[in-house]
């Protein structure tokens, strides 16, 4: 994570070198690559290196019926 000072310096660099304000696109792209590479080296390893798996559920009335049946099949929670 960048400190506030590092972020301010980076944002000032972007404002002066961005292609929309007349900067060189190649130089801008190279500067972004350098910044991203330095952030990756400085970042901490992840707590959970396993991949994240996202499940999707069916939408609409059929999906609601399937989820309702699954909830009914689970054991009841105790208070």
N, C-alpha and C. Protein backbone atom coordinates (compact mmCIF):
# COMPACT_ATOMS: atom_id res chain seq x y z
N UNK A 1 0.84 -1.18 0.00
CA UNK A 1 0.00 0.00 0.00
C UNK A 1 0.88 1.23 0.00
N UNK A 2 0.46 2.21 -0.74
CA UNK A 2 1.24 3.44 -0.86
C UNK A 2 0.94 4.37 0.31
N UNK A 3 1.97 5.07 0.74
CA UNK A 3 1.75 6.08 1.77
C UNK A 3 1.12 7.30 1.10
N UNK A 4 0.66 8.22 1.90
CA UNK A 4 0.02 9.42 1.37
C UNK A 4 1.00 10.24 0.54
N UNK A 5 2.26 10.32 0.98
CA UNK A 5 3.26 11.08 0.23
C UNK A 5 3.57 10.42 -1.11
N UNK A 6 3.73 9.09 -1.11
CA UNK A 6 3.99 8.36 -2.35
C UNK A 6 2.82 8.53 -3.32
N UNK A 7 1.62 8.46 -2.80
CA UNK A 7 0.45 8.62 -3.65
C UNK A 7 0.39 10.03 -4.25
N UNK A 8 0.70 11.03 -3.46
CA UNK A 8 0.69 12.41 -3.95
C UNK A 8 1.73 12.59 -5.06
N UNK A 9 2.92 12.01 -4.88
CA UNK A 9 3.97 12.11 -5.89
C UNK A 9 3.52 11.40 -7.17
N UNK A 10 2.94 10.22 -7.03
CA UNK A 10 2.49 9.47 -8.19
C UNK A 10 1.38 10.22 -8.93
N UNK A 11 0.42 10.77 -8.20
CA UNK A 11 -0.68 11.49 -8.84
C UNK A 11 -0.17 12.74 -9.57
N UNK A 12 0.83 13.42 -9.00
CA UNK A 12 1.42 14.58 -9.67
C UNK A 12 2.13 14.13 -10.95
N UNK A 13 2.82 13.02 -10.90
CA UNK A 13 3.49 12.48 -12.09
C UNK A 13 2.46 12.15 -13.17
N UNK A 14 1.34 11.52 -12.77
CA UNK A 14 0.30 11.17 -13.73
C UNK A 14 -0.29 12.43 -14.36
N UNK A 15 -0.54 13.45 -13.56
CA UNK A 15 -1.12 14.68 -14.09
C UNK A 15 -0.22 15.33 -15.13
N UNK A 16 1.09 15.23 -14.98
CA UNK A 16 1.99 15.87 -15.94
C UNK A 16 2.30 14.99 -17.15
N UNK A 17 2.29 13.66 -17.00
CA UNK A 17 2.70 12.77 -18.08
C UNK A 17 1.55 12.06 -18.80
N UNK A 18 0.32 12.28 -18.38
CA UNK A 18 -0.81 11.57 -19.00
C UNK A 18 -0.96 12.00 -20.46
N UNK A 19 -1.22 11.05 -21.36
CA UNK A 19 -1.36 11.40 -22.79
C UNK A 19 -2.51 12.38 -23.07
N UNK A 20 -3.53 12.41 -22.26
CA UNK A 20 -4.65 13.33 -22.49
C UNK A 20 -4.26 14.79 -22.28
N UNK A 21 -3.16 15.02 -21.56
CA UNK A 21 -2.71 16.40 -21.33
C UNK A 21 -1.41 16.68 -22.07
N UNK A 22 -1.11 15.86 -23.09
CA UNK A 22 0.06 16.13 -23.93
C UNK A 22 1.29 15.33 -23.59
N UNK A 23 1.20 14.36 -22.70
CA UNK A 23 2.36 13.55 -22.37
C UNK A 23 2.59 12.46 -23.42
N UNK A 24 3.76 11.86 -23.37
CA UNK A 24 4.12 10.79 -24.30
C UNK A 24 3.45 9.49 -23.86
N UNK A 25 2.65 8.83 -24.71
CA UNK A 25 1.97 7.59 -24.31
C UNK A 25 2.93 6.46 -23.94
N UNK A 26 4.04 6.36 -24.67
CA UNK A 26 5.02 5.31 -24.36
C UNK A 26 5.66 5.51 -23.00
N UNK A 27 6.05 6.75 -22.72
CA UNK A 27 6.66 7.07 -21.42
C UNK A 27 5.65 6.85 -20.29
N UNK A 28 4.41 7.22 -20.53
CA UNK A 28 3.37 7.04 -19.52
C UNK A 28 3.16 5.56 -19.22
N UNK A 29 3.06 4.73 -20.27
CA UNK A 29 2.87 3.29 -20.10
C UNK A 29 4.05 2.67 -19.36
N UNK A 30 5.26 3.10 -19.70
CA UNK A 30 6.45 2.57 -19.02
C UNK A 30 6.46 2.98 -17.55
N UNK A 31 6.07 4.19 -17.25
CA UNK A 31 6.01 4.64 -15.86
C UNK A 31 4.99 3.84 -15.06
N UNK A 32 3.83 3.53 -15.67
CA UNK A 32 2.83 2.71 -14.99
C UNK A 32 3.36 1.30 -14.75
N UNK A 33 4.07 0.74 -15.74
CA UNK A 33 4.65 -0.60 -15.55
C UNK A 33 5.64 -0.61 -14.39
N UNK A 34 6.49 0.42 -14.34
CA UNK A 34 7.47 0.49 -13.23
C UNK A 34 6.77 0.60 -11.88
N UNK A 35 5.72 1.43 -11.82
CA UNK A 35 4.99 1.61 -10.56
C UNK A 35 4.33 0.30 -10.13
N UNK A 36 3.69 -0.39 -11.07
CA UNK A 36 3.02 -1.64 -10.73
C UNK A 36 4.02 -2.71 -10.32
N UNK A 37 5.17 -2.76 -10.98
CA UNK A 37 6.20 -3.74 -10.62
C UNK A 37 6.74 -3.47 -9.22
N UNK A 38 6.93 -2.20 -8.88
CA UNK A 38 7.44 -1.88 -7.54
C UNK A 38 6.41 -2.18 -6.48
N UNK A 39 5.14 -1.99 -6.80
CA UNK A 39 4.08 -2.29 -5.82
C UNK A 39 3.98 -3.79 -5.59
N UNK A 40 4.17 -4.61 -6.64
CA UNK A 40 4.09 -6.06 -6.49
C UNK A 40 5.23 -6.57 -5.64
N UNK A 41 6.43 -6.01 -5.82
CA UNK A 41 7.57 -6.44 -5.02
C UNK A 41 7.38 -6.07 -3.56
N UNK A 42 6.77 -4.91 -3.31
CA UNK A 42 6.62 -4.42 -1.94
C UNK A 42 5.41 -5.01 -1.23
N UNK A 43 4.51 -5.62 -1.97
CA UNK A 43 3.29 -6.10 -1.34
C UNK A 43 3.56 -7.35 -0.50
N UNK A 44 2.75 -7.52 0.51
CA UNK A 44 2.87 -8.68 1.39
C UNK A 44 2.28 -9.90 0.70
N UNK A 45 2.76 -11.10 1.05
CA UNK A 45 2.13 -12.29 0.50
C UNK A 45 0.71 -12.42 1.01
N UNK A 46 -0.14 -13.01 0.24
CA UNK A 46 -1.54 -13.16 0.63
C UNK A 46 -1.68 -14.15 1.77
N UNK A 47 -2.66 -13.90 2.61
CA UNK A 47 -2.90 -14.79 3.73
C UNK A 47 -3.41 -16.14 3.26
N UNK A 48 -4.20 -16.14 2.19
CA UNK A 48 -4.76 -17.37 1.65
C UNK A 48 -4.38 -17.46 0.17
N UNK A 49 -3.30 -18.19 -0.13
CA UNK A 49 -2.85 -18.23 -1.52
C UNK A 49 -3.74 -19.08 -2.43
N UNK A 50 -4.72 -19.76 -1.88
CA UNK A 50 -5.60 -20.59 -2.70
C UNK A 50 -6.48 -19.70 -3.59
N UNK A 51 -6.84 -20.19 -4.75
CA UNK A 51 -7.68 -19.39 -5.64
C UNK A 51 -9.08 -19.22 -5.06
N UNK A 52 -9.70 -18.13 -5.43
CA UNK A 52 -11.06 -17.85 -4.98
C UNK A 52 -12.03 -18.46 -5.98
N UNK A 53 -12.97 -19.24 -5.49
CA UNK A 53 -13.96 -19.87 -6.35
C UNK A 53 -15.30 -19.19 -6.07
N UNK A 54 -15.92 -18.72 -7.13
CA UNK A 54 -17.19 -18.01 -6.99
C UNK A 54 -18.29 -18.89 -7.57
N UNK A 55 -19.31 -19.12 -6.79
CA UNK A 55 -20.44 -19.91 -7.27
C UNK A 55 -21.57 -19.00 -7.71
N UNK A 56 -22.21 -19.40 -8.76
CA UNK A 56 -23.35 -18.62 -9.25
C UNK A 56 -24.61 -19.41 -8.98
N UNK A 57 -25.67 -18.72 -8.70
CA UNK A 57 -26.92 -19.41 -8.49
C UNK A 57 -27.91 -19.02 -9.58
N UNK A 58 -28.83 -19.90 -9.77
CA UNK A 58 -29.82 -19.69 -10.80
C UNK A 58 -30.77 -18.57 -10.39
N UNK A 59 -31.17 -17.75 -11.32
CA UNK A 59 -32.05 -16.63 -11.04
C UNK A 59 -33.49 -17.00 -11.35
N UNK A 60 -34.40 -16.14 -10.92
CA UNK A 60 -35.81 -16.31 -11.25
C UNK A 60 -36.52 -17.25 -10.32
N UNK A 61 -37.76 -17.62 -10.67
CA UNK A 61 -38.58 -18.44 -9.78
C UNK A 61 -38.02 -19.85 -9.59
N UNK A 62 -37.40 -20.41 -10.62
CA UNK A 62 -36.81 -21.75 -10.48
C UNK A 62 -35.65 -21.71 -9.49
N UNK A 63 -34.82 -20.68 -9.60
CA UNK A 63 -33.69 -20.54 -8.68
C UNK A 63 -34.16 -20.35 -7.24
N UNK A 64 -35.20 -19.54 -7.06
CA UNK A 64 -35.73 -19.35 -5.70
C UNK A 64 -36.26 -20.65 -5.14
N UNK A 65 -36.93 -21.45 -5.98
CA UNK A 65 -37.44 -22.74 -5.53
C UNK A 65 -36.31 -23.67 -5.14
N UNK A 66 -35.24 -23.70 -5.93
CA UNK A 66 -34.09 -24.56 -5.62
C UNK A 66 -33.46 -24.13 -4.31
N UNK A 67 -33.26 -22.82 -4.11
CA UNK A 67 -32.66 -22.34 -2.86
C UNK A 67 -33.57 -22.59 -1.67
N UNK A 68 -34.89 -22.45 -1.86
CA UNK A 68 -35.83 -22.71 -0.78
C UNK A 68 -35.77 -24.17 -0.36
N UNK A 69 -35.74 -25.08 -1.33
CA UNK A 69 -35.64 -26.51 -1.00
C UNK A 69 -34.34 -26.83 -0.27
N UNK A 70 -33.24 -26.21 -0.69
CA UNK A 70 -31.95 -26.44 -0.04
C UNK A 70 -31.98 -25.94 1.41
N UNK A 71 -32.61 -24.78 1.63
CA UNK A 71 -32.72 -24.26 3.00
C UNK A 71 -33.57 -25.19 3.87
N UNK A 72 -34.64 -25.71 3.31
CA UNK A 72 -35.52 -26.61 4.07
C UNK A 72 -34.81 -27.91 4.42
N UNK A 73 -33.90 -28.36 3.56
CA UNK A 73 -33.19 -29.62 3.78
C UNK A 73 -32.11 -29.49 4.84
N UNK A 74 -31.60 -28.28 5.07
CA UNK A 74 -30.56 -28.10 6.09
C UNK A 74 -31.14 -28.28 7.47
N UNK A 75 -30.29 -28.60 8.40
CA UNK A 75 -30.72 -28.75 9.79
C UNK A 75 -31.15 -27.38 10.33
N UNK A 76 -32.13 -27.40 11.19
CA UNK A 76 -32.62 -26.14 11.77
C UNK A 76 -31.58 -25.59 12.74
N UNK A 77 -31.54 -24.28 12.83
CA UNK A 77 -30.62 -23.63 13.76
C UNK A 77 -31.23 -23.59 15.14
N UNK A 78 -30.39 -23.77 16.11
CA UNK A 78 -30.86 -23.69 17.50
C UNK A 78 -30.67 -22.27 17.99
N UNK A 79 -31.58 -21.81 18.80
CA UNK A 79 -31.49 -20.46 19.34
C UNK A 79 -30.57 -20.39 20.51
